[in-house]
Structure formats: structure tokens, C-alpha cells
PDB file of N, CA and C in Angstrom:
ATOM      1  N   MET A   1      44.887 -15.572  10.294  1.00  0.00           N
ATOM      2  CA  MET A   1      43.237 -15.222   9.918  1.00  0.00           C
ATOM      3  C   MET A   1      42.065 -14.946   9.891  1.00  0.00           C
ATOM      4  N   LYS A   2      41.905 -13.715  10.574  1.00  0.00           N
ATOM      5  CA  LYS A   2      40.777 -14.035  11.461  1.00  0.00           C
ATOM      6  C   LYS A   2      39.362 -14.172  10.275  1.00  0.00           C
ATOM      7  N   LEU A   3      38.730 -15.098  11.271  1.00  0.00           N
ATOM      8  CA  LEU A   3      37.288 -15.520  10.609  1.00  0.00           C
ATOM      9  C   LEU A   3      36.440 -14.577  10.647  1.00  0.00           C
ATOM     10  N   MET A   4      35.122 -13.900   9.888  1.00  0.00           N
ATOM     11  CA  MET A   4      34.466 -13.202   9.691  1.00  0.00           C
ATOM     12  C   MET A   4      32.721 -13.549  10.132  1.00  0.00           C
ATOM     13  N   GLN A   5      31.865 -13.860  10.851  1.00  0.00           N
ATOM     14  CA  GLN A   5      30.916 -14.420  10.764  1.00  0.00           C
ATOM     15  C   GLN A   5      29.680 -13.375  11.205  1.00  0.00           C
ATOM     16  N   SER A   6      29.374 -12.466   9.659  1.00  0.00           N
ATOM     17  CA  SER A   6      28.594 -11.316   9.588  1.00  0.00           C
ATOM     18  C   SER A   6      27.527 -11.498   8.726  1.00  0.00           C
ATOM     19  N   PRO A   7      26.141 -11.260   8.299  1.00  0.00           N
ATOM     20  CA  PRO A   7      25.396 -10.891   6.890  1.00  0.00           C
ATOM     21  C   PRO A   7      26.024 -10.375   6.283  1.00  0.00           C
ATOM     22  N   LEU A   8      26.003 -10.857   4.843  1.00  0.00           N
ATOM     23  CA  LEU A   8      26.138 -10.535   3.787  1.00  0.00           C
ATOM     24  C   LEU A   8      24.774  -8.870   3.364  1.00  0.00           C
ATOM     25  N   ASN A   9      26.364  -7.920   3.075  1.00  0.00           N
ATOM     26  CA  ASN A   9      24.821  -6.930   2.481  1.00  0.00           C
ATOM     27  C   ASN A   9      23.939  -6.609   1.862  1.00  0.00           C
ATOM     28  N   ASN A  10      23.038  -6.632   1.133  1.00  0.00           N
ATOM     29  CA  ASN A  10      22.178  -6.778  -0.315  1.00  0.00           C
ATOM     30  C   ASN A  10      22.366  -4.971  -0.904  1.00  0.00           C
ATOM     31  N   LEU A  11      23.145  -5.459  -1.680  1.00  0.00           N
ATOM     32  CA  LEU A  11      23.777  -3.322  -2.007  1.00  0.00           C
ATOM     33  C   LEU A  11      22.860  -3.413  -3.364  1.00  0.00           C
ATOM     34  N   SER A  12      23.003  -2.022  -3.549  1.00  0.00           N
ATOM     35  CA  SER A  12      22.290  -1.303  -4.404  1.00  0.00           C
ATOM     36  C   SER A  12      23.379  -0.656  -5.570  1.00  0.00           C
ATOM     37  N   SER A  13      23.128  -0.823  -6.792  1.00  0.00           N
ATOM     38  CA  SER A  13      24.394  -0.644  -7.829  1.00  0.00           C
ATOM     39  C   SER A  13      24.963   0.127  -7.298  1.00  0.00           C
ATOM     40  N   GLU A  14      24.178   1.350  -6.649  1.00  0.00           N
ATOM     41  CA  GLU A  14      25.379   2.808  -6.860  1.00  0.00           C
ATOM     42  C   GLU A  14      26.533   2.338  -5.711  1.00  0.00           C
ATOM     43  N   LYS A  15      25.369   1.704  -4.628  1.00  0.00           N
ATOM     44  CA  LYS A  15      26.589   0.914  -3.706  1.00  0.00           C
ATOM     45  C   LYS A  15      27.231   0.244  -4.035  1.00  0.00           C
ATOM     46  N   ILE A  16      26.847  -0.963  -4.624  1.00  0.00           N
ATOM     47  CA  ILE A  16      28.558  -1.249  -5.017  1.00  0.00           C
ATOM     48  C   ILE A  16      29.735  -0.419  -5.766  1.00  0.00           C
ATOM     49  N   LYS A  17      28.982   0.530  -6.686  1.00  0.00           N
ATOM     50  CA  LYS A  17      29.829   1.614  -7.235  1.00  0.00           C
ATOM     51  C   LYS A  17      30.820   2.599  -6.485  1.00  0.00           C
ATOM     52  N   ASP A  18      29.680   2.688  -5.033  1.00  0.00           N
ATOM     53  CA  ASP A  18      30.269   3.830  -4.158  1.00  0.00           C
ATOM     54  C   ASP A  18      32.155   2.670  -3.181  1.00  0.00           C
ATOM     55  N   ARG A  19      31.823   1.517  -3.237  1.00  0.00           N
ATOM     56  CA  ARG A  19      32.717   0.953  -2.113  1.00  0.00           C
ATOM     57  C   ARG A  19      33.572   0.555  -3.206  1.00  0.00           C
ATOM     58  N   LEU A  20      33.337   0.425  -4.830  1.00  0.00           N
ATOM     59  CA  LEU A  20      34.719  -0.109  -5.599  1.00  0.00           C
ATOM     60  C   LEU A  20      35.955   1.268  -5.751  1.00  0.00           C
ATOM     61  N   LYS A  21      35.023   2.612  -5.607  1.00  0.00           N
ATOM     62  CA  LYS A  21      35.566   3.966  -5.733  1.00  0.00           C
ATOM     63  C   LYS A  21      36.742   4.072  -4.748  1.00  0.00           C
ATOM     64  N   ARG A  22      35.261   3.755  -3.561  1.00  0.00           N
ATOM     65  CA  ARG A  22      36.291   4.359  -1.993  1.00  0.00           C
ATOM     66  C   ARG A  22      37.589   3.153  -2.097  1.00  0.00           C
ATOM     67  N   ASN A  23      37.828   1.941  -2.407  1.00  0.00           N
ATOM     68  CA  ASN A  23      38.855   1.141  -2.858  1.00  0.00           C
ATOM     69  C   ASN A  23      39.125   0.903  -1.653  1.00  0.00           C
ATOM     70  N   ASP A  24      37.939   0.215  -0.971  1.00  0.00           N
ATOM     71  CA  ASP A  24      39.266  -0.277   1.049  1.00  0.00           C
ATOM     72  C   ASP A  24      39.069  -1.650   0.936  1.00  0.00           C
ATOM     73  N   ALA A  25      39.666  -2.543   1.322  1.00  0.00           N
ATOM     74  CA  ALA A  25      40.345  -4.043   1.005  1.00  0.00           C
ATOM     75  C   ALA A  25      39.336  -4.359   2.039  1.00  0.00           C
ATOM     76  N   ALA A  26      38.837  -4.182   3.007  1.00  0.00           N
ATOM     77  CA  ALA A  26      37.663  -4.619   3.571  1.00  0.00           C
ATOM     78  C   ALA A  26      36.281  -4.684   2.902  1.00  0.00           C
ATOM     79  N   GLU A  27      36.511  -4.030   2.659  1.00  0.00           N
ATOM     80  CA  GLU A  27      34.965  -3.930   1.966  1.00  0.00           C
ATOM     81  C   GLU A  27      35.193  -4.828   0.717  1.00  0.00           C
ATOM     82  N   LEU A  28      35.956  -4.859  -0.005  1.00  0.00           N
ATOM     83  CA  LEU A  28      36.224  -5.041  -1.064  1.00  0.00           C
ATOM     84  C   LEU A  28      36.223  -6.818  -1.302  1.00  0.00           C
ATOM     85  N   LEU A  29      36.401  -6.846  -0.629  1.00  0.00           N
ATOM     86  CA  LEU A  29      36.932  -8.628   0.530  1.00  0.00           C
ATOM     87  C   LEU A  29      35.435  -8.955   0.150  1.00  0.00           C
ATOM     88  N   MET A  30      34.515  -8.829   1.170  1.00  0.00           N
ATOM     89  CA  MET A  30      33.039  -8.983   0.963  1.00  0.00           C
ATOM     90  C   MET A  30      32.454  -8.891  -0.185  1.00  0.00           C
ATOM     91  N   LEU A  31      32.582  -7.973  -1.322  1.00  0.00           N
ATOM     92  CA  LEU A  31      31.955  -7.381  -2.457  1.00  0.00           C
ATOM     93  C   LEU A  31      31.147  -8.446  -3.305  1.00  0.00           C
ATOM     94  N   PRO A  32      32.367  -9.112  -3.099  1.00  0.00           N
ATOM     95  CA  PRO A  32      32.066 -10.313  -4.736  1.00  0.00           C
ATOM     96  C   PRO A  32      30.986 -11.271  -4.125  1.00  0.00           C
ATOM     97  N   LEU A  33      31.234 -11.404  -2.717  1.00  0.00           N
ATOM     98  CA  LEU A  33      30.230 -12.848  -2.065  1.00  0.00           C
ATOM     99  C   LEU A  33      28.584 -11.893  -1.571  1.00  0.00           C
ATOM    100  N   SER A  34      28.618 -10.683  -1.325  1.00  0.00           N
ATOM    101  CA  SER A  34      27.293  -9.761  -1.816  1.00  0.00           C
ATOM    102  C   SER A  34      26.939  -9.713  -3.591  1.00  0.00           C
ATOM    103  N   VAL A  35      28.080  -9.683  -4.160  1.00  0.00           N
ATOM    104  CA  VAL A  35      26.854  -9.011  -5.129  1.00  0.00           C
ATOM    105  C   VAL A  35      26.344 -10.628  -5.903  1.00  0.00           C
ATOM    106  N   GLY A  36      27.139 -11.552  -5.968  1.00  0.00           N
ATOM    107  CA  GLY A  36      26.951 -12.946  -5.873  1.00  0.00           C
ATOM    108  C   GLY A  36      25.497 -13.395  -5.466  1.00  0.00           C
ATOM    109  N   GLU A  37      26.035 -13.289  -4.363  1.00  0.00           N
ATOM    110  CA  GLU A  37      24.220 -13.633  -3.827  1.00  0.00           C
ATOM    111  C   GLU A  37      22.701 -12.772  -4.150  1.00  0.00           C
ATOM    112  N   TYR A  38      23.764 -11.356  -4.049  1.00  0.00           N
ATOM    113  CA  TYR A  38      22.187 -10.819  -4.498  1.00  0.00           C
ATOM    114  C   TYR A  38      21.662  -9.801  -5.083  1.00  0.00           C
ATOM    115  N   HIS A  39      22.487  -9.709  -6.016  1.00  0.00           N
ATOM    116  CA  HIS A  39      22.547  -9.264  -6.916  1.00  0.00           C
ATOM    117  C   HIS A  39      21.453  -9.276  -8.499  1.00  0.00           C
ATOM    118  N   SER A  40      20.627  -8.837  -8.430  1.00  0.00           N
ATOM    119  CA  SER A  40      19.533  -9.468 -10.109  1.00  0.00           C
ATOM    120  C   SER A  40      20.385  -9.087 -11.259  1.00  0.00           C
ATOM    121  N   ASN A  41      20.986  -8.945 -11.420  1.00  0.00           N
ATOM    122  CA  ASN A  41      21.445  -8.535 -12.491  1.00  0.00           C
ATOM    123  C   ASN A  41      22.776  -9.236 -12.771  1.00  0.00           C
ATOM    124  N   TRP A  42      22.401 -10.612 -13.001  1.00  0.00           N
ATOM    125  CA  TRP A  42      23.694 -12.068 -13.114  1.00  0.00           C
ATOM    126  C   TRP A  42      24.730 -10.722 -14.112  1.00  0.00           C
ATOM    127  N   LYS A  43      25.029 -10.539 -14.712  1.00  0.00           N
ATOM    128  CA  LYS A  43      25.984  -9.514 -15.541  1.00  0.00           C
ATOM    129  C   LYS A  43      26.875  -8.808 -15.131  1.00  0.00           C
ATOM    130  N   PHE A  44      25.973  -8.055 -14.062  1.00  0.00           N
ATOM    131  CA  PHE A  44      26.869  -7.005 -13.385  1.00  0.00           C
ATOM    132  C   PHE A  44      27.364  -7.668 -12.552  1.00  0.00           C
ATOM    133  N   ALA A  45      26.838  -8.708 -11.741  1.00  0.00           N
ATOM    134  CA  ALA A  45      28.083  -9.188 -10.961  1.00  0.00           C
ATOM    135  C   ALA A  45      28.458 -10.560 -11.104  1.00  0.00           C
ATOM    136  N   GLN A  46      28.573 -10.767 -12.118  1.00  0.00           N
ATOM    137  CA  GLN A  46      29.587 -11.325 -12.800  1.00  0.00           C
ATOM    138  C   GLN A  46      31.328 -10.334 -13.500  1.00  0.00           C
ATOM    139  N   ASP A  47      30.807  -9.499 -14.194  1.00  0.00           N
ATOM    140  CA  ASP A  47      31.420  -8.023 -14.043  1.00  0.00           C
ATOM    141  C   ASP A  47      32.332  -7.831 -13.153  1.00  0.00           C
ATOM    142  N   ILE A  48      31.581  -7.704 -11.844  1.00  0.00           N
ATOM    143  CA  ILE A  48      31.805  -7.627 -10.662  1.00  0.00           C
ATOM    144  C   ILE A  48      32.988  -8.412 -10.231  1.00  0.00           C
ATOM    145  N   CYS A  49      32.917  -9.373 -10.066  1.00  0.00           N
ATOM    146  CA  CYS A  49      33.293 -10.685  -9.183  1.00  0.00           C
ATOM    147  C   CYS A  49      34.876 -10.460 -10.379  1.00  0.00           C
ATOM    148  N   ALA A  50      34.381 -10.686 -11.925  1.00  0.00           N
ATOM    149  CA  ALA A  50      35.710 -10.642 -12.670  1.00  0.00           C
ATOM    150  C   ALA A  50      36.938  -9.281 -12.579  1.00  0.00           C
ATOM    151  N   MET A  51      36.626  -8.525 -12.188  1.00  0.00           N
ATOM    152  CA  MET A  51      37.265  -6.870 -12.133  1.00  0.00           C
ATOM    153  C   MET A  51      37.929  -7.542 -10.893  1.00  0.00           C
ATOM    154  N   LEU A  52      37.160  -8.057 -10.184  1.00  0.00           N
ATOM    155  CA  LEU A  52      37.799  -8.149  -8.202  1.00  0.00           C
ATOM    156  C   LEU A  52      38.578  -9.381  -8.528  1.00  0.00           C
ATOM    157  N   ALA A  53      38.372 -10.280  -9.155  1.00  0.00           N
ATOM    158  CA  ALA A  53      39.325 -11.606  -9.207  1.00  0.00           C
ATOM    159  C   ALA A  53      41.168 -10.956  -9.527  1.00  0.00           C
ATOM    160  N   ASN A  54      40.796  -9.900 -10.773  1.00  0.00           N
ATOM    161  CA  ASN A  54      42.352  -9.795 -11.201  1.00  0.00           C
ATOM    162  C   ASN A  54      42.670  -8.343  -9.833  1.00  0.00           C
ATOM    163  N   TYR A  55      41.681  -8.337  -9.080  1.00  0.00           N
ATOM    164  CA  TYR A  55      42.139  -7.029  -8.238  1.00  0.00           C
ATOM    165  C   TYR A  55      43.881  -6.934  -7.650  1.00  0.00           C
ATOM    166  N   GLU A  56      45.192  -5.597  -7.645  1.00  0.00           N
ATOM    167  CA  GLU A  56      46.062  -6.035  -6.931  1.00  0.00           C
ATOM    168  C   GLU A  56      46.698  -5.873  -6.331  1.00  0.00           C
ATOM    169  N   SER A  57      45.642  -6.209  -5.036  1.00  0.00           N
ATOM    170  CA  SER A  57      46.262  -6.308  -3.117  1.00  0.00           C
ATOM    171  C   SER A  57      46.267  -7.503  -2.336  1.00  0.00           C
ATOM    172  N   ALA A  58      47.291  -6.951  -1.756  1.00  0.00           N
ATOM    173  CA  ALA A  58      47.912  -7.891  -1.134  1.00  0.00           C
ATOM    174  C   ALA A  58      46.393  -9.027  -0.173  1.00  0.00           C
ATOM    175  N   ALA A  59      45.582  -8.386   0.263  1.00  0.00           N
ATOM    176  CA  ALA A  59      45.128  -8.470   1.132  1.00  0.00           C
ATOM    177  C   ALA A  59      44.163  -9.163   0.298  1.00  0.00           C
ATOM    178  N   MET A  60      43.697  -8.740  -1.102  1.00  0.00           N
ATOM    179  CA  MET A  60      42.949  -9.630  -1.733  1.00  0.00           C
ATOM    180  C   MET A  60      43.401 -10.764  -1.958  1.00  0.00           C
ATOM    181  N   ILE A  61      44.406 -11.148  -2.946  1.00  0.00           N
ATOM    182  CA  ILE A  61      45.639 -12.130  -3.177  1.00  0.00           C
ATOM    183  C   ILE A  61      45.534 -13.375  -1.962  1.00  0.00           C
ATOM    184  N   ALA A  62      45.459 -13.143  -0.628  1.00  0.00           N
ATOM    185  CA  ALA A  62      45.757 -13.624   0.832  1.00  0.00           C
ATOM    186  C   ALA A  62      44.724 -14.663   1.108  1.00  0.00           C
ATOM    187  N   THR A  63      43.429 -13.757   0.627  1.00  0.00           N
ATOM    188  CA  THR A  63      42.397 -14.693   0.790  1.00  0.00           C
ATOM    189  C   THR A  63      41.717 -15.752  -0.012  1.00  0.00           C
TER     190      THR A  63
END
């Protein structure tokens, strides 16, 4: 497993929705960390994290 050491991005709600639409596994792996750390709306962040917890990608499950 390759470890990443890069800063988290502070993403707007629009950028978060764009990343979800793109469905890129590498972007989705970091998304719950970024949303949980920076998003000002805790309910929005919680919903995103809960949704990604049920994501059916081998890349997401392996982490």
C-alpha cells in the first residue's frame, strides 16, 4: 500500500459534488477526510461520509 503525505483540500460543496459525480476512486479515498476536517455543515459532511462508507469499490474497501 502506498502512503500519501499531502495536505487535505478544503473543498466547497460544489467541488465535493463534482468529485462524487466523477466517481474517481483516488479522489473518493480522500474525500471523507477532507469533508470531515473542513466542511462547515456537519450534517452535509456526515451524509457524505455515510454514503462513502457504503461505497462498493475494491479500492475503498481495501483501505
